[in-house]
Amino acid sequence: MKTKRTLFVLTLTFLALCLPKLTFAQTRISYGPDPMQYGELSLPEGDGPFPVVTFLHAGCWRSSENMINSYRAMAKAMTEQGVAAWNMQYRGATSPGGGWPGTWLDIANGFDALQSVAESYPIDLQQAVVVGHSSGGHYGAWLAMRSQLPPNSEIYVEPKVNPMALIMADAYINPELIDSIGDTGEIYCGEPLLEKLVGGPVKDNIDNFLQISPLEWLPWGIPQDFIVSTYRYPLSLPRVLALGKTSMRKVPDYPALAVLAGDEINVRMISNEGHGNFVREGERGYYATISAVLRLLGKATE
């Protein structure tokens, strides 16, 4: 009896090893020569063309190889809902070649790469949604307004693709917050980054600073979803922002400014949600982001 049971288990094990593994297919596509200039394309089953959502990861305006992992679970969830995913990697503020202008050129060129991607893969560029978490939300907001930049700007790239909607998840979209000093005297990201992102001291590069300040360019002209923890919004000054990480006494109220400028914006506040939970599978912020994408694409209602 024991021998038969052993043979049965071994047979099941053999069959399991022989079955095709159901893996999440990602196609890595470069949009430049640097190792950090690439995106991961994930497609749903079927013929398409599919709406496509571009994910811009967080990381305190920096970027490293493993940071792209944060949106892989959500990319898979998108394909299960019939939406393609373009999970972008880019050079951050501290990456070789990043900062000004490299980081901004990567965000622009990486998103525009969807035009050439669409020549080989069934994606619908008319339904291109951008999602950014934390500092990635700042990059997403910049994509939404970049067409307004002067053509002679070092970071201007004539848009080949335009987002139809933008979702910012617990995002920081005001560059003044990048190097804000908290109550403990610590810089928010642990090191000064703003000079790298504007090409030098802000006082000497005011024009560059304005070019990476999305709030200065409202309206952006596309629907926006601002999904945010009550830890960060609404602001009740002089309450400190982001759990004491900054003591700024004047922080622009982004949703109010967007409404006054004439943009369509939906705000969803999630009570006491952890910052990382907006990309953590199974958490409220994670599902709120997915829900927003589907609603903006007309695939679901909230």
C-alpha atoms as a PDB file:
ATOM      1  CA  MET A   1       0.000   0.000   0.000  1.00  0.00           C
ATOM      2  CA  LYS A   2       2.814   2.360   0.915  1.00  0.00           C
ATOM      3  CA  THR A   3       4.549   1.615  -2.398  1.00  0.00           C
ATOM      4  CA  LYS A   4       1.372   2.358  -4.394  1.00  0.00           C
ATOM      5  CA  ARG A   5       0.856   5.636  -2.508  1.00  0.00           C
ATOM      6  CA  THR A   6       4.447   6.642  -3.216  1.00  0.00           C
ATOM      7  CA  LEU A   7       4.071   5.874  -6.920  1.00  0.00           C
ATOM      8  CA  PHE A   8       0.827   7.870  -7.018  1.00  0.00           C
ATOM      9  CA  VAL A   9       2.499  10.931  -5.463  1.00  0.00           C
ATOM     10  CA  LEU A  10       5.479  10.653  -7.800  1.00  0.00           C
ATOM     11  CA  THR A  11       3.137  10.415 -10.802  1.00  0.00           C
ATOM     12  CA  LEU A  12       1.255  13.553  -9.752  1.00  0.00           C
ATOM     13  CA  THR A  13       4.537  15.373  -9.216  1.00  0.00           C
ATOM     14  CA  PHE A  14       5.779  14.354 -12.674  1.00  0.00           C
ATOM     15  CA  LEU A  15       2.553  15.500 -14.318  1.00  0.00           C
ATOM     16  CA  ALA A  16       2.702  18.819 -12.500  1.00  0.00           C
ATOM     17  CA  LEU A  17       6.241  19.405 -13.709  1.00  0.00           C
ATOM     18  CA  CYS A  18       5.222  18.616 -17.277  1.00  0.00           C
ATOM     19  CA  LEU A  19       2.265  20.995 -17.340  1.00  0.00           C
ATOM     20  CA  PRO A  20       2.916  24.436 -18.834  1.00  0.00           C
ATOM     21  CA  LYS A  21       3.485  27.043 -16.156  1.00  0.00           C
ATOM     22  CA  LEU A  22       1.029  29.938 -16.161  1.00  0.00           C
ATOM     23  CA  THR A  23       3.421  32.854 -15.862  1.00  0.00           C
ATOM     24  CA  PHE A  24       2.842  36.572 -16.217  1.00  0.00           C
ATOM     25  CA  ALA A  25       4.295  37.515 -19.595  1.00  0.00           C
ATOM     26  CA  GLN A  26       6.281  40.752 -19.718  1.00  0.00           C
ATOM     27  CA  THR A  27       8.125  42.022 -22.756  1.00  0.00           C
ATOM     28  CA  ARG A  28      11.076  44.255 -22.008  1.00  0.00           C
ATOM     29  CA  ILE A  29      11.430  47.050 -24.558  1.00  0.00           C
ATOM     30  CA  SER A  30      14.203  49.656 -24.533  1.00  0.00           C
ATOM     31  CA  TYR A  31      13.535  53.284 -25.417  1.00  0.00           C
ATOM     32  CA  GLY A  32      17.172  54.395 -25.166  1.00  0.00           C
ATOM     33  CA  PRO A  33      20.742  53.049 -24.866  1.00  0.00           C
ATOM     34  CA  ASP A  34      21.044  53.370 -21.062  1.00  0.00           C
ATOM     35  CA  PRO A  35      20.282  50.199 -19.047  1.00  0.00           C
ATOM     36  CA  MET A  36      17.634  52.158 -17.121  1.00  0.00           C
ATOM     37  CA  GLN A  37      15.786  53.275 -20.244  1.00  0.00           C
ATOM     38  CA  TYR A  38      13.215  50.564 -20.763  1.00  0.00           C
ATOM     39  CA  GLY A  39       9.665  49.540 -20.060  1.00  0.00           C
ATOM     40  CA  GLU A  40       7.907  46.254 -19.421  1.00  0.00           C
ATOM     41  CA  LEU A  41       4.907  45.672 -21.668  1.00  0.00           C
ATOM     42  CA  SER A  42       2.196  43.287 -20.477  1.00  0.00           C
ATOM     43  CA  LEU A  43      -0.752  42.375 -22.680  1.00  0.00           C
ATOM     44  CA  PRO A  44      -4.126  40.780 -21.916  1.00  0.00           C
ATOM     45  CA  GLU A  45      -5.292  37.701 -23.741  1.00  0.00           C
ATOM     46  CA  GLY A  46      -7.090  38.394 -27.009  1.00  0.00           C
ATOM     47  CA  ASP A  47      -6.563  40.392 -30.151  1.00  0.00           C
ATOM     48  CA  GLY A  48      -6.979  43.956 -28.897  1.00  0.00           C
ATOM     49  CA  PRO A  49      -6.365  46.768 -29.416  1.00  0.00           C
ATOM     50  CA  PHE A  50      -6.212  47.276 -25.662  1.00  0.00           C
ATOM     51  CA  PRO A  51      -6.254  50.415 -23.538  1.00  0.00           C
ATOM     52  CA  VAL A  52      -2.841  50.917 -21.965  1.00  0.00           C
ATOM     53  CA  VAL A  53      -1.852  52.187 -18.543  1.00  0.00           C
ATOM     54  CA  THR A  54       1.652  53.549 -17.928  1.00  0.00           C
ATOM     55  CA  PHE A  55       3.017  53.034 -14.418  1.00  0.00           C
ATOM     56  CA  LEU A  56       5.573  55.420 -12.919  1.00  0.00           C
ATOM     57  CA  HIS A  57       7.081  54.020  -9.740  1.00  0.00           C
ATOM     58  CA  ALA A  58       7.900  55.897  -6.558  1.00  0.00           C
ATOM     59  CA  GLY A  59      11.327  56.216  -4.946  1.00  0.00           C
ATOM     60  CA  CYS A  60      11.871  59.772  -3.728  1.00  0.00           C
ATOM     61  CA  TRP A  61      12.575  61.026  -7.262  1.00  0.00           C
ATOM     62  CA  ARG A  62      15.324  58.429  -7.525  1.00  0.00           C
ATOM     63  CA  SER A  63      15.390  55.176  -9.453  1.00  0.00           C
ATOM     64  CA  SER A  64      17.071  51.806  -9.133  1.00  0.00           C
ATOM     65  CA  GLU A  65      16.606  48.498 -10.882  1.00  0.00           C
ATOM     66  CA  ASN A  66      14.339  46.951  -8.248  1.00  0.00           C
ATOM     67  CA  MET A  67      11.944  49.908  -7.963  1.00  0.00           C
ATOM     68  CA  ILE A  68      10.096  48.838 -11.093  1.00  0.00           C
ATOM     69  CA  ASN A  69       8.930  45.797  -9.114  1.00  0.00           C
ATOM     70  CA  SER A  70       6.441  47.892  -7.149  1.00  0.00           C
ATOM     71  CA  TYR A  71       3.942  48.033 -10.013  1.00  0.00           C
ATOM     72  CA  ARG A  72       4.312  44.481 -11.366  1.00  0.00           C
ATOM     73  CA  ALA A  73       1.390  43.099  -9.361  1.00  0.00           C
ATOM     74  CA  MET A  74      -0.878  45.899 -10.553  1.00  0.00           C
ATOM     75  CA  ALA A  75       0.311  45.422 -14.134  1.00  0.00           C
ATOM     76  CA  LYS A  76      -0.818  41.808 -13.923  1.00  0.00           C
ATOM     77  CA  ALA A  77      -4.157  42.895 -12.433  1.00  0.00           C
ATOM     78  CA  MET A  78      -4.633  45.279 -15.355  1.00  0.00           C
ATOM     79  CA  THR A  79      -4.146  42.556 -17.949  1.00  0.00           C
ATOM     80  CA  GLU A  80      -6.769  40.457 -16.172  1.00  0.00           C
ATOM     81  CA  GLN A  81      -9.178  43.350 -16.774  1.00  0.00           C
ATOM     82  CA  GLY A  82      -8.352  43.642 -20.471  1.00  0.00           C
ATOM     83  CA  VAL A  83      -5.925  46.546 -20.094  1.00  0.00           C
ATOM     84  CA  ALA A  84      -2.320  46.528 -21.282  1.00  0.00           C
ATOM     85  CA  ALA A  85       0.394  47.773 -18.921  1.00  0.00           C
ATOM     86  CA  TRP A  86       3.575  49.739 -19.667  1.00  0.00           C
ATOM     87  CA  ASN A  87       5.667  49.611 -16.485  1.00  0.00           C
ATOM     88  CA  MET A  88       8.380  52.220 -17.009  1.00  0.00           C
ATOM     89  CA  GLN A  89      11.928  52.373 -15.729  1.00  0.00           C
ATOM     90  CA  TYR A  90      13.924  55.604 -15.973  1.00  0.00           C
ATOM     91  CA  ARG A  91      17.020  57.363 -14.669  1.00  0.00           C
ATOM     92  CA  GLY A  92      16.251  59.135 -11.415  1.00  0.00           C
ATOM     93  CA  ALA A  93      17.753  62.217  -9.817  1.00  0.00           C
ATOM     94  CA  THR A  94      20.843  60.360  -8.593  1.00  0.00           C
ATOM     95  CA  SER A  95      21.280  57.988 -11.542  1.00  0.00           C
ATOM     96  CA  PRO A  96      24.213  58.499 -13.936  1.00  0.00           C
ATOM     97  CA  GLY A  97      22.840  60.800 -16.603  1.00  0.00           C
ATOM     98  CA  GLY A  98      19.722  61.527 -14.546  1.00  0.00           C
ATOM     99  CA  GLY A  99      18.547  64.730 -12.913  1.00  0.00           C
ATOM    100  CA  TRP A 100      18.301  67.755 -15.213  1.00  0.00           C
ATOM    101  CA  PRO A 101      17.649  67.147 -18.039  1.00  0.00           C
ATOM    102  CA  GLY A 102      18.058  63.355 -18.146  1.00  0.00           C
ATOM    103  CA  THR A 103      15.270  62.276 -15.788  1.00  0.00           C
ATOM    104  CA  TRP A 104      12.690  64.476 -17.504  1.00  0.00           C
ATOM    105  CA  LEU A 105      13.776  63.369 -20.977  1.00  0.00           C
ATOM    106  CA  ASP A 106      13.435  59.743 -19.875  1.00  0.00           C
ATOM    107  CA  ILE A 107       9.899  60.301 -18.583  1.00  0.00           C
ATOM    108  CA  ALA A 108       8.954  61.976 -21.883  1.00  0.00           C
ATOM    109  CA  ASN A 109      10.714  59.543 -24.210  1.00  0.00           C
ATOM    110  CA  GLY A 110       9.668  56.498 -22.209  1.00  0.00           C
ATOM    111  CA  PHE A 111       6.019  57.454 -22.476  1.00  0.00           C
ATOM    112  CA  ASP A 112       6.324  58.451 -26.138  1.00  0.00           C
ATOM    113  CA  ALA A 113       7.865  55.032 -26.838  1.00  0.00           C
ATOM    114  CA  LEU A 114       4.300  53.744 -26.791  1.00  0.00           C
ATOM    115  CA  GLN A 115       3.964  55.095 -30.330  1.00  0.00           C
ATOM    116  CA  SER A 116       6.548  52.666 -31.673  1.00  0.00           C
ATOM    117  CA  VAL A 117       5.305  49.919 -29.347  1.00  0.00           C
ATOM    118  CA  ALA A 118       1.852  50.305 -30.925  1.00  0.00           C
ATOM    119  CA  GLU A 119       3.337  49.460 -34.323  1.00  0.00           C
ATOM    120  CA  SER A 120       4.111  45.937 -33.128  1.00  0.00           C
ATOM    121  CA  TYR A 121       1.633  45.326 -30.317  1.00  0.00           C
ATOM    122  CA  PRO A 122      -2.163  45.829 -30.127  1.00  0.00           C
ATOM    123  CA  ILE A 123      -2.459  48.862 -27.842  1.00  0.00           C
ATOM    124  CA  ASP A 124      -4.832  51.796 -28.241  1.00  0.00           C
ATOM    125  CA  LEU A 125      -2.980  55.099 -27.847  1.00  0.00           C
ATOM    126  CA  GLN A 126      -6.271  56.983 -27.646  1.00  0.00           C
ATOM    127  CA  GLN A 127      -6.865  55.221 -24.325  1.00  0.00           C
ATOM    128  CA  ALA A 128      -3.508  55.817 -22.662  1.00  0.00           C
ATOM    129  CA  VAL A 129      -3.791  56.370 -18.907  1.00  0.00           C
ATOM    130  CA  VAL A 130      -0.878  57.390 -16.663  1.00  0.00           C
ATOM    131  CA  VAL A 131      -0.590  56.217 -13.040  1.00  0.00           C
ATOM    132  CA  GLY A 132       2.075  57.463 -10.651  1.00  0.00           C
ATOM    133  CA  HIS A 133       2.691  56.716  -6.979  1.00  0.00           C
ATOM    134  CA  SER A 134       4.335  59.261  -4.664  1.00  0.00           C
ATOM    135  CA  SER A 135       7.130  60.973  -6.637  1.00  0.00           C
ATOM    136  CA  GLY A 136       5.916  58.980  -9.650  1.00  0.00           C
ATOM    137  CA  GLY A 137       2.735  61.036  -9.394  1.00  0.00           C
ATOM    138  CA  HIS A 138       4.847  64.171  -9.830  1.00  0.00           C
ATOM    139  CA  TYR A 139       6.359  62.670 -12.986  1.00  0.00           C
ATOM    140  CA  GLY A 140       2.864  61.765 -14.193  1.00  0.00           C
ATOM    141  CA  ALA A 141       1.591  65.314 -13.573  1.00  0.00           C
ATOM    142  CA  TRP A 142       4.591  66.624 -15.480  1.00  0.00           C
ATOM    143  CA  LEU A 143       3.669  64.385 -18.425  1.00  0.00           C
ATOM    144  CA  ALA A 144       0.175  65.866 -18.337  1.00  0.00           C
ATOM    145  CA  MET A 145       1.485  69.440 -18.741  1.00  0.00           C
ATOM    146  CA  ARG A 146       4.717  68.980 -20.701  1.00  0.00           C
ATOM    147  CA  SER A 147       3.142  70.026 -24.017  1.00  0.00           C
ATOM    148  CA  GLN A 148       2.899  73.557 -22.612  1.00  0.00           C
ATOM    149  CA  LEU A 149       6.664  73.883 -22.137  1.00  0.00           C
ATOM    150  CA  PRO A 150       8.535  76.263 -24.447  1.00  0.00           C
ATOM    151  CA  PRO A 151       9.998  74.354 -27.416  1.00  0.00           C
ATOM    152  CA  ASN A 152      13.472  75.713 -26.621  1.00  0.00           C
ATOM    153  CA  SER A 153      13.451  74.091 -23.182  1.00  0.00           C
ATOM    154  CA  GLU A 154      16.140  71.504 -22.464  1.00  0.00           C
ATOM    155  CA  ILE A 155      13.452  69.103 -21.282  1.00  0.00           C
ATOM    156  CA  TYR A 156      10.917  69.713 -24.044  1.00  0.00           C
ATOM    157  CA  VAL A 157      10.138  66.725 -26.243  1.00  0.00           C
ATOM    158  CA  GLU A 158       7.340  67.216 -28.740  1.00  0.00           C
ATOM    159  CA  PRO A 159       4.689  64.777 -27.496  1.00  0.00           C
ATOM    160  CA  LYS A 160       4.048  61.759 -29.683  1.00  0.00           C
ATOM    161  CA  VAL A 161       1.508  60.342 -27.233  1.00  0.00           C
ATOM    162  CA  ASN A 162      -0.816  62.248 -24.920  1.00  0.00           C
ATOM    163  CA  PRO A 163      -2.403  60.775 -21.794  1.00  0.00           C
ATOM    164  CA  MET A 164      -6.194  60.647 -21.808  1.00  0.00           C
ATOM    165  CA  ALA A 165      -6.286  60.651 -17.982  1.00  0.00           C
ATOM    166  CA  LEU A 166      -3.973  60.813 -14.972  1.00  0.00           C
ATOM    167  CA  ILE A 167      -4.105  59.009 -11.615  1.00  0.00           C
ATOM    168  CA  MET A 168      -1.883  60.207  -8.778  1.00  0.00           C
ATOM    169  CA  ALA A 169      -1.651  57.806  -5.839  1.00  0.00           C
ATOM    170  CA  ASP A 170      -0.586  59.447  -2.564  1.00  0.00           C
ATOM    171  CA  ALA A 171       1.513  61.712  -4.751  1.00  0.00           C
ATOM    172  CA  TYR A 172       3.811  64.656  -4.145  1.00  0.00           C
ATOM    173  CA  ILE A 173       3.437  66.975  -7.123  1.00  0.00           C
ATOM    174  CA  ASN A 174       4.918  70.161  -5.665  1.00  0.00           C
ATOM    175  CA  PRO A 175       8.732  70.384  -6.086  1.00  0.00           C
ATOM    176  CA  GLU A 176       8.902  72.592  -2.996  1.00  0.00           C
ATOM    177  CA  LEU A 177       8.338  69.428  -0.958  1.00  0.00           C
ATOM    178  CA  ILE A 178      11.313  67.537  -2.379  1.00  0.00           C
ATOM    179  CA  ASP A 179      13.882  68.996  -0.007  1.00  0.00           C
ATOM    180  CA  SER A 180      11.528  70.255   2.707  1.00  0.00           C
ATOM    181  CA  ILE A 181      12.896  70.102   6.223  1.00  0.00           C
ATOM    182  CA  GLY A 182      10.809  68.205   8.774  1.00  0.00           C
ATOM    183  CA  ASP A 183      10.379  68.747  12.476  1.00  0.00           C
ATOM    184  CA  THR A 184      13.348  66.467  13.128  1.00  0.00           C
ATOM    185  CA  GLY A 185      15.598  68.511  10.870  1.00  0.00           C
ATOM    186  CA  GLU A 186      15.898  65.638   8.394  1.00  0.00           C
ATOM    187  CA  ILE A 187      15.537  66.166   4.662  1.00  0.00           C
ATOM    188  CA  TYR A 188      12.515  64.253   3.396  1.00  0.00           C
ATOM    189  CA  CYS A 189      14.411  61.947   1.020  1.00  0.00           C
ATOM    190  CA  GLY A 190      17.515  61.708   3.179  1.00  0.00           C
ATOM    191  CA  GLU A 191      19.622  63.773   0.789  1.00  0.00           C
ATOM    192  CA  PRO A 192      19.079  66.987  -1.207  1.00  0.00           C
ATOM    193  CA  LEU A 193      17.715  66.187  -4.663  1.00  0.00           C
ATOM    194  CA  LEU A 194      16.055  69.349  -5.953  1.00  0.00           C
ATOM    195  CA  GLU A 195      19.282  70.862  -7.269  1.00  0.00           C
ATOM    196  CA  LYS A 196      19.880  67.714  -9.300  1.00  0.00           C
ATOM    197  CA  LEU A 197      16.372  67.877 -10.763  1.00  0.00           C
ATOM    198  CA  VAL A 198      16.629  71.552 -11.779  1.00  0.00           C
ATOM    199  CA  GLY A 199      20.293  71.607 -12.805  1.00  0.00           C
ATOM    200  CA  GLY A 200      21.718  73.614  -9.922  1.00  0.00           C
ATOM    201  CA  PRO A 201      20.682  75.910  -7.062  1.00  0.00           C
ATOM    202  CA  VAL A 202      17.022  76.831  -7.383  1.00  0.00           C
ATOM    203  CA  LYS A 203      17.752  80.563  -6.996  1.00  0.00           C
ATOM    204  CA  ASP A 204      19.939  80.342 -10.098  1.00  0.00           C
ATOM    205  CA  ASN A 205      17.526  78.104 -12.025  1.00  0.00           C
ATOM    206  CA  ILE A 206      14.084  79.529 -11.368  1.00  0.00           C
ATOM    207  CA  ASP A 207      12.971  78.917 -14.951  1.00  0.00           C
ATOM    208  CA  ASN A 208      13.969  75.258 -14.725  1.00  0.00           C
ATOM    209  CA  PHE A 209      12.165  74.976 -11.395  1.00  0.00           C
ATOM    210  CA  LEU A 210       8.971  76.322 -12.959  1.00  0.00           C
ATOM    211  CA  GLN A 211       9.291  73.824 -15.811  1.00  0.00           C
ATOM    212  CA  ILE A 212       9.109  70.901 -13.391  1.00  0.00           C
ATOM    213  CA  SER A 213       6.276  72.465 -11.350  1.00  0.00           C
ATOM    214  CA  PRO A 214       2.985  71.063 -12.694  1.00  0.00           C
ATOM    215  CA  LEU A 215       0.849  73.326 -10.489  1.00  0.00           C
ATOM    216  CA  GLU A 216       2.218  76.318 -12.397  1.00  0.00           C
ATOM    217  CA  TRP A 217       0.733  74.965 -15.632  1.00  0.00           C
ATOM    218  CA  LEU A 218      -2.880  74.230 -14.695  1.00  0.00           C
ATOM    219  CA  PRO A 219      -5.201  73.423 -16.370  1.00  0.00           C
ATOM    220  CA  TRP A 220      -3.727  70.218 -17.759  1.00  0.00           C
ATOM    221  CA  GLY A 221      -6.820  69.501 -19.828  1.00  0.00           C
ATOM    222  CA  ILE A 222      -7.368  65.837 -18.912  1.00  0.00           C
ATOM    223  CA  PRO A 223      -9.377  64.072 -16.183  1.00  0.00           C
ATOM    224  CA  GLN A 224      -7.413  63.556 -12.991  1.00  0.00           C
ATOM    225  CA  ASP A 225      -7.873  61.232 -10.027  1.00  0.00           C
ATOM    226  CA  PHE A 226      -6.149  62.135  -6.763  1.00  0.00           C
ATOM    227  CA  ILE A 227      -6.177  59.105  -4.455  1.00  0.00           C
ATOM    228  CA  VAL A 228      -4.635  60.067  -1.158  1.00  0.00           C
ATOM    229  CA  SER A 229      -4.291  59.037   2.473  1.00  0.00           C
ATOM    230  CA  THR A 230      -5.775  61.246   5.168  1.00  0.00           C
ATOM    231  CA  TYR A 231      -2.224  61.310   6.541  1.00  0.00           C
ATOM    232  CA  ARG A 232      -1.441  63.703   3.684  1.00  0.00           C
ATOM    233  CA  TYR A 233      -4.760  65.332   2.761  1.00  0.00           C
ATOM    234  CA  PRO A 234      -6.745  67.394   3.524  1.00  0.00           C
ATOM    235  CA  LEU A 235      -4.241  69.831   4.957  1.00  0.00           C
ATOM    236  CA  SER A 236      -5.128  71.689   8.089  1.00  0.00           C
ATOM    237  CA  LEU A 237      -2.287  74.138   8.552  1.00  0.00           C
ATOM    238  CA  PRO A 238      -0.234  74.559  10.608  1.00  0.00           C
ATOM    239  CA  ARG A 239      -0.617  70.784  10.803  1.00  0.00           C
ATOM    240  CA  VAL A 240       2.546  69.158   9.514  1.00  0.00           C
ATOM    241  CA  LEU A 241       2.325  67.240   6.270  1.00  0.00           C
ATOM    242  CA  ALA A 242       3.151  63.558   5.756  1.00  0.00           C
ATOM    243  CA  LEU A 243       3.313  62.523   9.408  1.00  0.00           C
ATOM    244  CA  GLY A 244       5.751  65.230  10.427  1.00  0.00           C
ATOM    245  CA  LYS A 245       8.127  64.907   7.502  1.00  0.00           C
ATOM    246  CA  THR A 246       7.746  68.554   6.578  1.00  0.00           C
ATOM    247  CA  SER A 247       6.931  71.639   8.561  1.00  0.00           C
ATOM    248  CA  MET A 248       6.024  73.883   5.617  1.00  0.00           C
ATOM    249  CA  ARG A 249       3.356  76.327   6.625  1.00  0.00           C
ATOM    250  CA  LYS A 250       2.050  77.017   3.129  1.00  0.00           C
ATOM    251  CA  VAL A 251       1.254  74.114   0.816  1.00  0.00           C
ATOM    252  CA  PRO A 252      -0.890  74.735  -2.303  1.00  0.00           C
ATOM    253  CA  ASP A 253      -4.188  72.851  -2.269  1.00  0.00           C
ATOM    254  CA  TYR A 254      -3.817  70.956  -5.549  1.00  0.00           C
ATOM    255  CA  PRO A 255      -7.411  69.697  -5.955  1.00  0.00           C
ATOM    256  CA  ALA A 256      -8.841  73.175  -5.339  1.00  0.00           C
ATOM    257  CA  LEU A 257      -6.414  74.741  -7.814  1.00  0.00           C
ATOM    258  CA  ALA A 258      -7.311  72.151 -10.455  1.00  0.00           C
ATOM    259  CA  VAL A 259     -11.040  72.792 -10.046  1.00  0.00           C
ATOM    260  CA  LEU A 260     -10.558  76.564 -10.195  1.00  0.00           C
ATOM    261  CA  ALA A 261      -8.484  76.138 -13.356  1.00  0.00           C
ATOM    262  CA  GLY A 262     -11.325  74.196 -14.979  1.00  0.00           C
ATOM    263  CA  ASP A 263      -9.918  70.661 -14.875  1.00  0.00           C
ATOM    264  CA  GLU A 264     -12.033  67.605 -14.147  1.00  0.00           C
ATOM    265  CA  ILE A 265     -10.785  66.014 -10.944  1.00  0.00           C
ATOM    266  CA  ASN A 266     -11.965  63.244  -8.657  1.00  0.00           C
ATOM    267  CA  VAL A 267     -10.572  63.073  -5.114  1.00  0.00           C
ATOM    268  CA  ARG A 268     -10.709  59.892  -3.078  1.00  0.00           C
ATOM    269  CA  MET A 269      -9.370  59.986   0.467  1.00  0.00           C
ATOM    270  CA  ILE A 270      -8.493  56.745   2.242  1.00  0.00           C
ATOM    271  CA  SER A 271      -8.437  56.987   6.012  1.00  0.00           C
ATOM    272  CA  ASN A 272      -5.007  56.468   7.583  1.00  0.00           C
ATOM    273  CA  GLU A 273      -3.698  54.421   4.644  1.00  0.00           C
ATOM    274  CA  GLY A 274       0.010  53.631   4.676  1.00  0.00           C
ATOM    275  CA  HIS A 275       2.038  55.249   1.925  1.00  0.00           C
ATOM    276  CA  GLY A 276       3.342  51.955   0.536  1.00  0.00           C
ATOM    277  CA  ASN A 277      -0.127  50.414   0.507  1.00  0.00           C
ATOM    278  CA  PHE A 278      -0.975  52.208  -2.724  1.00  0.00           C
ATOM    279  CA  VAL A 279       1.172  49.655  -4.564  1.00  0.00           C
ATOM    280  CA  ARG A 280       0.828  46.733  -2.138  1.00  0.00           C
ATOM    281  CA  GLU A 281      -1.447  43.969  -3.394  1.00  0.00           C
ATOM    282  CA  GLY A 282      -4.565  43.487  -1.272  1.00  0.00           C
ATOM    283  CA  GLU A 283      -4.530  46.927   0.372  1.00  0.00           C
ATOM    284  CA  ARG A 284      -7.191  49.624   0.055  1.00  0.00           C
ATOM    285  CA  GLY A 285      -4.941  52.086  -1.764  1.00  0.00           C
ATOM    286  CA  TYR A 286      -3.950  49.399  -4.251  1.00  0.00           C
ATOM    287  CA  TYR A 287      -7.533  48.518  -5.144  1.00  0.00           C
ATOM    288  CA  ALA A 288      -8.580  52.179  -5.216  1.00  0.00           C
ATOM    289  CA  THR A 289      -5.962  52.803  -7.901  1.00  0.00           C
ATOM    290  CA  ILE A 290      -7.161  49.869 -10.015  1.00  0.00           C
ATOM    291  CA  SER A 291     -10.757  50.999  -9.600  1.00  0.00           C
ATOM    292  CA  ALA A 292      -9.857  54.500 -10.772  1.00  0.00           C
ATOM    293  CA  VAL A 293      -8.171  53.170 -13.918  1.00  0.00           C
ATOM    294  CA  LEU A 294     -11.175  51.035 -14.826  1.00  0.00           C
ATOM    295  CA  ARG A 295     -13.628  53.864 -14.150  1.00  0.00           C
ATOM    296  CA  LEU A 296     -11.688  56.331 -16.306  1.00  0.00           C
ATOM    297  CA  LEU A 297     -11.612  53.752 -19.106  1.00  0.00           C
ATOM    298  CA  GLY A 298     -15.344  53.170 -18.807  1.00  0.00           C
ATOM    299  CA  LYS A 299     -14.823  49.591 -17.660  1.00  0.00           C
ATOM    300  CA  ALA A 300     -16.278  49.985 -14.177  1.00  0.00           C
ATOM    301  CA  THR A 301     -18.043  52.451 -11.914  1.00  0.00           C
ATOM    302  CA  GLU A 302     -17.395  53.309  -8.294  1.00  0.00           C
END
